[in-house]
Amino acid sequence: MSSTLAFDFTVDKAARTVHITREFDADLSLVWEAFTQADLLDQWLPPHPMRAKTKYQDFCVGGKRFYAMISPAGEERWALQEYTAITPKTNFQFYNAFADPEGNPELPGSAWDHTFSEQNGTTTVRISIYNESFERMERILEGFTTGMKLSLRNLENLLAALSGR
């Protein structure tokens, strides 16, 4: 990774929102695919040594992705995402909640907004995550922050491998 690529991770506790800006040395189409295709998400989203498995994904407005993060001991933590808006290769939004193994959401959840742009072969992803509950945000924030930073590093490595860099 070039040291000039942006990576900003800020938490606004008062607004219950996390803001992430991350640049990748990869084409927009490839980065978009990595964020929207289950087989690619399962490769980069789980921070090591965890792994992920998607039970199903329907990437369309009103569609859902139901997946688990799995610990090395085999413990599964399920989540359900419902896509609320999609503008191809520009933006997508979803509502995310933890869930039980049958796909029943554990509310409250969070609203995620992903925006993508490309300039000179560098793709910028801006993610805004609004937590419905301050208590939920406080409970998961430390683990989420560490995990998300590791996940984005995984994505950087996957993009480099996929683009032959």
N, C-alpha and C. Protein backbone atom coordinates (compact mmCIF):
# COMPACT_ATOMS: atom_id res chain seq x y z
N MET A 1 0.85 -1.18 0.00
CA MET A 1 0.00 0.00 0.00
C MET A 1 0.88 1.23 0.00
N SER A 2 0.50 2.17 -0.79
CA SER A 2 1.21 3.44 -0.80
C SER A 2 0.90 4.19 0.48
N SER A 3 1.90 4.83 1.07
CA SER A 3 1.68 5.58 2.30
C SER A 3 0.85 6.83 2.05
N THR A 4 0.61 7.16 0.79
CA THR A 4 -0.17 8.35 0.49
C THR A 4 -1.66 8.07 0.39
N LEU A 5 -2.06 6.79 0.49
CA LEU A 5 -3.48 6.45 0.42
C LEU A 5 -4.16 6.81 1.74
N ALA A 6 -5.31 7.47 1.64
CA ALA A 6 -6.02 7.94 2.83
C ALA A 6 -6.66 6.79 3.58
N PHE A 7 -6.61 6.91 4.89
CA PHE A 7 -7.34 6.01 5.78
C PHE A 7 -7.71 6.81 7.01
N ASP A 8 -8.98 7.14 7.13
CA ASP A 8 -9.47 7.94 8.24
C ASP A 8 -10.62 7.19 8.92
N PHE A 9 -10.55 7.07 10.22
CA PHE A 9 -11.56 6.34 10.99
C PHE A 9 -11.90 7.22 12.19
N THR A 10 -13.10 7.80 12.19
CA THR A 10 -13.50 8.68 13.28
C THR A 10 -14.83 8.23 13.87
N VAL A 11 -14.97 8.50 15.14
CA VAL A 11 -16.18 8.15 15.87
C VAL A 11 -16.77 9.42 16.44
N ASP A 12 -18.03 9.67 16.13
CA ASP A 12 -18.77 10.80 16.69
C ASP A 12 -19.80 10.21 17.65
N LYS A 13 -19.40 10.08 18.91
CA LYS A 13 -20.28 9.43 19.88
C LYS A 13 -21.59 10.18 20.06
N ALA A 14 -21.51 11.51 20.06
CA ALA A 14 -22.73 12.30 20.25
C ALA A 14 -23.75 12.02 19.15
N ALA A 15 -23.27 11.83 17.93
CA ALA A 15 -24.16 11.55 16.80
C ALA A 15 -24.36 10.05 16.58
N ARG A 16 -23.70 9.22 17.41
CA ARG A 16 -23.79 7.75 17.31
C ARG A 16 -23.38 7.26 15.93
N THR A 17 -22.34 7.89 15.37
CA THR A 17 -21.95 7.61 14.00
C THR A 17 -20.44 7.37 13.90
N VAL A 18 -20.09 6.39 13.08
CA VAL A 18 -18.71 6.11 12.74
C VAL A 18 -18.51 6.52 11.28
N HIS A 19 -17.43 7.22 10.99
CA HIS A 19 -17.11 7.62 9.62
C HIS A 19 -15.77 7.00 9.24
N ILE A 20 -15.75 6.36 8.09
CA ILE A 20 -14.53 5.73 7.60
C ILE A 20 -14.30 6.23 6.17
N THR A 21 -13.11 6.68 5.89
CA THR A 21 -12.69 6.99 4.52
C THR A 21 -11.46 6.16 4.25
N ARG A 22 -11.49 5.41 3.17
CA ARG A 22 -10.37 4.51 2.86
C ARG A 22 -10.13 4.52 1.37
N GLU A 23 -8.88 4.76 0.97
CA GLU A 23 -8.50 4.70 -0.44
C GLU A 23 -7.84 3.36 -0.72
N PHE A 24 -8.07 2.87 -1.95
CA PHE A 24 -7.48 1.62 -2.40
C PHE A 24 -6.83 1.83 -3.76
N ASP A 25 -5.67 1.22 -3.94
CA ASP A 25 -4.95 1.28 -5.21
C ASP A 25 -5.54 0.20 -6.12
N ALA A 26 -6.80 0.42 -6.53
CA ALA A 26 -7.52 -0.55 -7.36
C ALA A 26 -8.64 0.17 -8.10
N ASP A 27 -9.04 -0.42 -9.21
CA ASP A 27 -10.12 0.15 -10.01
C ASP A 27 -11.45 0.10 -9.25
N LEU A 28 -12.29 1.07 -9.53
CA LEU A 28 -13.60 1.16 -8.89
C LEU A 28 -14.40 -0.12 -9.06
N SER A 29 -14.41 -0.69 -10.26
CA SER A 29 -15.21 -1.90 -10.51
C SER A 29 -14.81 -3.03 -9.58
N LEU A 30 -13.52 -3.20 -9.37
CA LEU A 30 -13.03 -4.28 -8.52
C LEU A 30 -13.38 -4.03 -7.05
N VAL A 31 -13.23 -2.80 -6.60
CA VAL A 31 -13.56 -2.46 -5.22
C VAL A 31 -15.07 -2.64 -4.99
N TRP A 32 -15.88 -2.20 -5.95
CA TRP A 32 -17.33 -2.36 -5.85
C TRP A 32 -17.68 -3.85 -5.72
N GLU A 33 -17.08 -4.68 -6.56
CA GLU A 33 -17.34 -6.12 -6.49
C GLU A 33 -16.95 -6.68 -5.13
N ALA A 34 -15.83 -6.24 -4.57
CA ALA A 34 -15.38 -6.74 -3.27
C ALA A 34 -16.35 -6.40 -2.15
N PHE A 35 -17.06 -5.29 -2.29
CA PHE A 35 -18.03 -4.88 -1.28
C PHE A 35 -19.43 -5.45 -1.52
N THR A 36 -19.68 -5.99 -2.70
CA THR A 36 -21.07 -6.37 -3.03
C THR A 36 -21.25 -7.84 -3.41
N GLN A 37 -20.19 -8.61 -3.52
CA GLN A 37 -20.31 -10.02 -3.88
C GLN A 37 -19.93 -10.88 -2.67
N ALA A 38 -20.83 -11.79 -2.32
CA ALA A 38 -20.67 -12.60 -1.11
C ALA A 38 -19.36 -13.37 -1.09
N ASP A 39 -18.97 -13.97 -2.22
CA ASP A 39 -17.75 -14.78 -2.21
C ASP A 39 -16.52 -13.93 -1.91
N LEU A 40 -16.51 -12.67 -2.36
CA LEU A 40 -15.40 -11.78 -2.06
C LEU A 40 -15.50 -11.22 -0.63
N LEU A 41 -16.69 -10.84 -0.21
CA LEU A 41 -16.89 -10.36 1.16
C LEU A 41 -16.40 -11.40 2.18
N ASP A 42 -16.73 -12.66 1.92
CA ASP A 42 -16.32 -13.72 2.85
C ASP A 42 -14.81 -13.86 2.94
N GLN A 43 -14.09 -13.41 1.91
CA GLN A 43 -12.63 -13.51 1.91
C GLN A 43 -11.94 -12.41 2.72
N TRP A 44 -12.54 -11.20 2.75
CA TRP A 44 -11.83 -10.10 3.40
C TRP A 44 -12.49 -9.56 4.67
N LEU A 45 -13.78 -9.76 4.83
CA LEU A 45 -14.48 -9.12 5.94
C LEU A 45 -14.07 -9.65 7.32
N PRO A 46 -13.86 -10.95 7.48
CA PRO A 46 -13.51 -11.40 8.83
C PRO A 46 -12.06 -11.09 9.19
N PRO A 47 -11.84 -10.44 10.34
CA PRO A 47 -10.46 -10.23 10.78
C PRO A 47 -9.87 -11.58 11.21
N HIS A 48 -8.61 -11.79 10.83
CA HIS A 48 -7.93 -13.04 11.18
C HIS A 48 -7.88 -13.19 12.70
N PRO A 49 -8.13 -14.33 13.27
CA PRO A 49 -8.24 -15.65 12.67
C PRO A 49 -9.68 -16.09 12.39
N MET A 50 -10.60 -15.15 12.39
CA MET A 50 -12.00 -15.50 12.12
C MET A 50 -12.18 -15.79 10.63
N ARG A 51 -13.31 -16.40 10.30
CA ARG A 51 -13.69 -16.59 8.92
C ARG A 51 -15.17 -16.25 8.80
N ALA A 52 -15.63 -16.11 7.58
CA ALA A 52 -17.03 -15.74 7.35
C ALA A 52 -17.67 -16.74 6.40
N LYS A 53 -18.98 -16.88 6.52
CA LYS A 53 -19.74 -17.65 5.55
C LYS A 53 -21.07 -16.94 5.33
N THR A 54 -21.40 -16.78 4.07
CA THR A 54 -22.68 -16.19 3.70
C THR A 54 -23.66 -17.31 3.43
N LYS A 55 -24.78 -17.28 4.13
CA LYS A 55 -25.83 -18.28 3.90
C LYS A 55 -26.61 -17.91 2.64
N TYR A 56 -26.93 -16.62 2.48
CA TYR A 56 -27.55 -16.15 1.24
C TYR A 56 -27.33 -14.65 1.10
N GLN A 57 -27.36 -14.19 -0.15
CA GLN A 57 -27.27 -12.77 -0.45
C GLN A 57 -28.07 -12.51 -1.72
N ASP A 58 -28.87 -11.45 -1.67
CA ASP A 58 -29.61 -10.96 -2.83
C ASP A 58 -29.34 -9.46 -2.88
N PHE A 59 -28.34 -9.07 -3.68
CA PHE A 59 -27.91 -7.68 -3.73
C PHE A 59 -28.84 -6.89 -4.64
N CYS A 60 -29.96 -6.46 -4.07
CA CYS A 60 -30.93 -5.59 -4.74
C CYS A 60 -31.67 -4.85 -3.63
N VAL A 61 -32.32 -3.74 -3.98
CA VAL A 61 -33.08 -3.00 -2.98
C VAL A 61 -34.16 -3.93 -2.42
N GLY A 62 -34.18 -4.07 -1.11
CA GLY A 62 -35.10 -4.98 -0.44
C GLY A 62 -34.51 -6.38 -0.24
N GLY A 63 -33.39 -6.65 -0.92
CA GLY A 63 -32.72 -7.94 -0.77
C GLY A 63 -31.92 -7.98 0.52
N LYS A 64 -31.46 -9.17 0.86
CA LYS A 64 -30.75 -9.34 2.13
C LYS A 64 -29.50 -10.18 1.96
N ARG A 65 -28.57 -9.94 2.88
CA ARG A 65 -27.40 -10.81 3.05
C ARG A 65 -27.43 -11.32 4.48
N PHE A 66 -27.37 -12.64 4.62
CA PHE A 66 -27.37 -13.28 5.93
C PHE A 66 -26.07 -14.06 6.04
N TYR A 67 -25.25 -13.69 7.00
CA TYR A 67 -23.91 -14.28 7.09
C TYR A 67 -23.48 -14.42 8.54
N ALA A 68 -22.42 -15.22 8.74
CA ALA A 68 -21.87 -15.42 10.07
C ALA A 68 -20.38 -15.15 10.06
N MET A 69 -19.90 -14.60 11.16
CA MET A 69 -18.48 -14.54 11.46
C MET A 69 -18.24 -15.72 12.38
N ILE A 70 -17.20 -16.49 12.08
CA ILE A 70 -16.96 -17.73 12.81
C ILE A 70 -15.59 -17.68 13.48
N SER A 71 -15.58 -17.92 14.77
CA SER A 71 -14.33 -17.90 15.53
C SER A 71 -13.54 -19.18 15.26
N PRO A 72 -12.26 -19.19 15.61
CA PRO A 72 -11.47 -20.42 15.43
C PRO A 72 -12.06 -21.61 16.19
N ALA A 73 -12.80 -21.34 17.28
CA ALA A 73 -13.43 -22.41 18.05
C ALA A 73 -14.76 -22.86 17.44
N GLY A 74 -15.17 -22.22 16.33
CA GLY A 74 -16.41 -22.61 15.67
C GLY A 74 -17.64 -21.85 16.13
N GLU A 75 -17.47 -20.86 17.01
CA GLU A 75 -18.62 -20.06 17.46
C GLU A 75 -19.05 -19.13 16.33
N GLU A 76 -20.36 -19.09 16.08
CA GLU A 76 -20.90 -18.27 14.99
C GLU A 76 -21.61 -17.06 15.55
N ARG A 77 -21.37 -15.91 14.93
CA ARG A 77 -22.08 -14.67 15.25
C ARG A 77 -22.74 -14.20 13.96
N TRP A 78 -24.06 -14.33 13.90
CA TRP A 78 -24.81 -14.05 12.67
C TRP A 78 -25.19 -12.58 12.57
N ALA A 79 -25.32 -12.11 11.33
CA ALA A 79 -25.79 -10.75 11.06
C ALA A 79 -26.67 -10.77 9.82
N LEU A 80 -27.60 -9.85 9.79
CA LEU A 80 -28.54 -9.72 8.68
C LEU A 80 -28.48 -8.30 8.16
N GLN A 81 -28.27 -8.16 6.85
CA GLN A 81 -28.26 -6.85 6.21
C GLN A 81 -29.41 -6.80 5.22
N GLU A 82 -30.14 -5.70 5.23
CA GLU A 82 -31.19 -5.49 4.23
C GLU A 82 -30.81 -4.25 3.42
N TYR A 83 -30.67 -4.45 2.10
CA TYR A 83 -30.26 -3.36 1.23
C TYR A 83 -31.42 -2.39 1.03
N THR A 84 -31.17 -1.10 1.30
CA THR A 84 -32.21 -0.09 1.24
C THR A 84 -32.06 0.86 0.06
N ALA A 85 -30.87 0.93 -0.53
CA ALA A 85 -30.64 1.79 -1.70
C ALA A 85 -29.40 1.29 -2.42
N ILE A 86 -29.44 1.31 -3.76
CA ILE A 86 -28.28 0.91 -4.55
C ILE A 86 -28.22 1.78 -5.80
N THR A 87 -27.11 2.44 -5.99
CA THR A 87 -26.79 3.14 -7.24
C THR A 87 -25.49 2.50 -7.71
N PRO A 88 -25.55 1.65 -8.74
CA PRO A 88 -24.38 0.86 -9.13
C PRO A 88 -23.08 1.66 -9.24
N LYS A 89 -22.05 1.10 -8.61
CA LYS A 89 -20.69 1.61 -8.61
C LYS A 89 -20.54 3.02 -8.03
N THR A 90 -21.58 3.48 -7.34
CA THR A 90 -21.55 4.80 -6.73
C THR A 90 -21.88 4.75 -5.24
N ASN A 91 -22.97 4.05 -4.90
CA ASN A 91 -23.44 4.06 -3.52
C ASN A 91 -24.34 2.86 -3.26
N PHE A 92 -24.25 2.34 -2.05
CA PHE A 92 -25.28 1.42 -1.57
C PHE A 92 -25.43 1.61 -0.08
N GLN A 93 -26.63 1.30 0.39
CA GLN A 93 -26.96 1.46 1.80
C GLN A 93 -27.65 0.19 2.27
N PHE A 94 -27.45 -0.11 3.53
CA PHE A 94 -28.18 -1.24 4.11
C PHE A 94 -28.40 -1.01 5.59
N TYR A 95 -29.38 -1.74 6.11
CA TYR A 95 -29.63 -1.78 7.54
C TYR A 95 -29.03 -3.07 8.05
N ASN A 96 -28.23 -3.00 9.09
CA ASN A 96 -27.51 -4.15 9.63
C ASN A 96 -27.94 -4.42 11.06
N ALA A 97 -28.15 -5.69 11.38
CA ALA A 97 -28.45 -6.08 12.76
C ALA A 97 -27.86 -7.45 13.02
N PHE A 98 -27.42 -7.67 14.24
CA PHE A 98 -27.05 -9.02 14.62
C PHE A 98 -28.32 -9.86 14.52
N ALA A 99 -28.15 -11.17 14.39
CA ALA A 99 -29.32 -12.03 14.22
C ALA A 99 -29.06 -13.38 14.88
N ASP A 100 -30.15 -14.13 15.07
CA ASP A 100 -29.98 -15.50 15.55
C ASP A 100 -29.73 -16.39 14.33
N PRO A 101 -29.39 -17.66 14.53
CA PRO A 101 -29.06 -18.53 13.40
C PRO A 101 -30.20 -18.75 12.39
N GLU A 102 -31.41 -18.38 12.77
CA GLU A 102 -32.55 -18.51 11.85
C GLU A 102 -32.80 -17.22 11.07
N GLY A 103 -32.03 -16.17 11.34
CA GLY A 103 -32.17 -14.92 10.60
C GLY A 103 -33.09 -13.91 11.23
N ASN A 104 -33.48 -14.11 12.48
CA ASN A 104 -34.31 -13.14 13.18
C ASN A 104 -33.41 -12.05 13.75
N PRO A 105 -33.63 -10.80 13.35
CA PRO A 105 -32.74 -9.72 13.78
C PRO A 105 -32.85 -9.43 15.27
N GLU A 106 -31.71 -9.03 15.85
CA GLU A 106 -31.64 -8.57 17.23
C GLU A 106 -31.51 -7.06 17.19
N LEU A 107 -32.60 -6.37 17.42
CA LEU A 107 -32.61 -4.91 17.33
C LEU A 107 -32.19 -4.29 18.65
N PRO A 108 -31.66 -3.08 18.65
CA PRO A 108 -31.51 -2.18 17.51
C PRO A 108 -30.29 -2.53 16.67
N GLY A 109 -30.24 -1.90 15.49
CA GLY A 109 -29.15 -2.15 14.56
C GLY A 109 -28.47 -0.86 14.15
N SER A 110 -27.97 -0.87 12.92
CA SER A 110 -27.25 0.31 12.42
C SER A 110 -27.52 0.47 10.92
N ALA A 111 -27.47 1.72 10.48
CA ALA A 111 -27.66 2.04 9.06
C ALA A 111 -26.30 2.37 8.46
N TRP A 112 -25.94 1.66 7.40
CA TRP A 112 -24.64 1.82 6.73
C TRP A 112 -24.85 2.49 5.38
N ASP A 113 -23.98 3.44 5.07
CA ASP A 113 -24.02 4.15 3.79
C ASP A 113 -22.61 4.13 3.20
N HIS A 114 -22.46 3.48 2.04
CA HIS A 114 -21.17 3.34 1.35
C HIS A 114 -21.19 4.19 0.08
N THR A 115 -20.19 5.05 -0.09
CA THR A 115 -20.07 5.85 -1.30
C THR A 115 -18.70 5.57 -1.93
N PHE A 116 -18.69 5.39 -3.25
CA PHE A 116 -17.50 5.01 -4.00
C PHE A 116 -17.18 6.06 -5.05
N SER A 117 -15.89 6.37 -5.21
CA SER A 117 -15.45 7.26 -6.29
C SER A 117 -14.05 6.83 -6.69
N GLU A 118 -13.67 7.20 -7.92
CA GLU A 118 -12.35 6.83 -8.43
C GLU A 118 -11.71 8.03 -9.10
N GLN A 119 -10.41 8.16 -8.87
CA GLN A 119 -9.64 9.19 -9.54
C GLN A 119 -8.23 8.65 -9.77
N ASN A 120 -7.82 8.65 -11.04
CA ASN A 120 -6.47 8.21 -11.42
C ASN A 120 -6.13 6.81 -10.90
N GLY A 121 -7.09 5.89 -10.96
CA GLY A 121 -6.83 4.51 -10.54
C GLY A 121 -6.91 4.27 -9.05
N THR A 122 -7.18 5.30 -8.28
CA THR A 122 -7.36 5.15 -6.83
C THR A 122 -8.84 5.25 -6.52
N THR A 123 -9.36 4.25 -5.83
CA THR A 123 -10.78 4.25 -5.46
C THR A 123 -10.92 4.64 -4.00
N THR A 124 -11.81 5.58 -3.75
CA THR A 124 -12.10 6.03 -2.39
C THR A 124 -13.46 5.49 -1.98
N VAL A 125 -13.47 4.89 -0.79
CA VAL A 125 -14.72 4.40 -0.21
C VAL A 125 -14.96 5.19 1.06
N ARG A 126 -16.15 5.77 1.14
CA ARG A 126 -16.57 6.50 2.35
C ARG A 126 -17.74 5.73 2.95
N ILE A 127 -17.59 5.39 4.23
CA ILE A 127 -18.62 4.62 4.92
C ILE A 127 -19.08 5.42 6.13
N SER A 128 -20.38 5.56 6.25
CA SER A 128 -20.97 6.21 7.42
C SER A 128 -21.89 5.18 8.07
N ILE A 129 -21.71 4.97 9.38
CA ILE A 129 -22.48 3.97 10.10
C ILE A 129 -23.19 4.65 11.26
N TYR A 130 -24.51 4.73 11.16
CA TYR A 130 -25.32 5.34 12.21
C TYR A 130 -25.90 4.24 13.09
N ASN A 131 -25.62 4.30 14.38
CA ASN A 131 -26.12 3.32 15.34
C ASN A 131 -27.41 3.83 15.97
N GLU A 132 -28.44 3.01 15.92
CA GLU A 132 -29.73 3.41 16.49
C GLU A 132 -29.66 3.59 18.00
N SER A 133 -28.77 2.87 18.64
CA SER A 133 -28.68 2.91 20.09
C SER A 133 -27.26 3.28 20.53
N PHE A 134 -27.16 4.28 21.39
CA PHE A 134 -25.87 4.65 21.93
C PHE A 134 -25.28 3.50 22.73
N GLU A 135 -26.12 2.80 23.49
CA GLU A 135 -25.66 1.68 24.31
C GLU A 135 -25.08 0.57 23.44
N ARG A 136 -25.75 0.27 22.32
CA ARG A 136 -25.24 -0.76 21.40
C ARG A 136 -23.89 -0.33 20.85
N MET A 137 -23.79 0.93 20.44
CA MET A 137 -22.55 1.43 19.88
C MET A 137 -21.42 1.33 20.91
N GLU A 138 -21.68 1.74 22.13
CA GLU A 138 -20.67 1.68 23.18
C GLU A 138 -20.22 0.24 23.44
N ARG A 139 -21.16 -0.70 23.41
CA ARG A 139 -20.89 -2.10 23.71
C ARG A 139 -19.97 -2.74 22.67
N ILE A 140 -20.15 -2.37 21.39
CA ILE A 140 -19.40 -3.04 20.33
C ILE A 140 -18.24 -2.22 19.77
N LEU A 141 -18.12 -0.96 20.18
CA LEU A 141 -17.21 -0.02 19.50
C LEU A 141 -15.75 -0.47 19.49
N GLU A 142 -15.22 -0.90 20.63
CA GLU A 142 -13.80 -1.26 20.67
C GLU A 142 -13.50 -2.43 19.74
N GLY A 143 -14.27 -3.50 19.84
CA GLY A 143 -14.07 -4.66 18.97
C GLY A 143 -14.33 -4.33 17.52
N PHE A 144 -15.35 -3.52 17.26
CA PHE A 144 -15.68 -3.13 15.89
C PHE A 144 -14.54 -2.32 15.27
N THR A 145 -14.00 -1.37 16.02
CA THR A 145 -12.93 -0.52 15.50
C THR A 145 -11.72 -1.36 15.11
N THR A 146 -11.29 -2.22 16.01
CA THR A 146 -10.14 -3.09 15.72
C THR A 146 -10.44 -4.01 14.55
N GLY A 147 -11.62 -4.64 14.58
CA GLY A 147 -11.99 -5.58 13.52
C GLY A 147 -12.12 -4.92 12.16
N MET A 148 -12.71 -3.75 12.11
CA MET A 148 -12.90 -3.08 10.83
C MET A 148 -11.57 -2.64 10.22
N LYS A 149 -10.67 -2.18 11.04
CA LYS A 149 -9.34 -1.79 10.53
C LYS A 149 -8.62 -3.01 9.96
N LEU A 150 -8.70 -4.14 10.66
CA LEU A 150 -8.08 -5.37 10.15
C LEU A 150 -8.77 -5.84 8.87
N SER A 151 -10.09 -5.74 8.82
CA SER A 151 -10.83 -6.15 7.64
C SER A 151 -10.43 -5.33 6.42
N LEU A 152 -10.29 -4.03 6.59
CA LEU A 152 -9.92 -3.18 5.46
C LEU A 152 -8.49 -3.46 5.00
N ARG A 153 -7.63 -3.87 5.91
CA ARG A 153 -6.28 -4.30 5.52
C ARG A 153 -6.38 -5.61 4.71
N ASN A 154 -7.25 -6.52 5.16
CA ASN A 154 -7.50 -7.75 4.39
C ASN A 154 -7.97 -7.42 2.98
N LEU A 155 -8.87 -6.43 2.88
CA LEU A 155 -9.39 -6.04 1.57
C LEU A 155 -8.28 -5.48 0.70
N GLU A 156 -7.43 -4.67 1.26
CA GLU A 156 -6.28 -4.13 0.51
C GLU A 156 -5.45 -5.26 -0.07
N ASN A 157 -5.18 -6.28 0.72
CA ASN A 157 -4.38 -7.42 0.26
C ASN A 157 -5.11 -8.23 -0.80
N LEU A 158 -6.42 -8.42 -0.63
CA LEU A 158 -7.20 -9.16 -1.63
C LEU A 158 -7.24 -8.39 -2.95
N LEU A 159 -7.44 -7.09 -2.90
CA LEU A 159 -7.47 -6.29 -4.12
C LEU A 159 -6.14 -6.35 -4.86
N ALA A 160 -5.04 -6.31 -4.10
CA ALA A 160 -3.71 -6.40 -4.72
C ALA A 160 -3.56 -7.76 -5.42
N ALA A 161 -4.02 -8.82 -4.77
CA ALA A 161 -3.90 -10.15 -5.37
C ALA A 161 -4.79 -10.27 -6.61
N LEU A 162 -6.00 -9.74 -6.53
CA LEU A 162 -6.93 -9.84 -7.67
C LEU A 162 -6.50 -9.00 -8.86
N SER A 163 -5.85 -7.87 -8.58
CA SER A 163 -5.44 -6.99 -9.68
C SER A 163 -4.01 -7.27 -10.13
N GLY A 164 -3.35 -8.25 -9.51
CA GLY A 164 -2.01 -8.63 -9.91
C GLY A 164 -0.94 -7.64 -9.52
N ARG A 165 -1.18 -6.87 -8.45
CA ARG A 165 -0.21 -5.85 -8.02
C ARG A 165 0.66 -6.36 -6.91
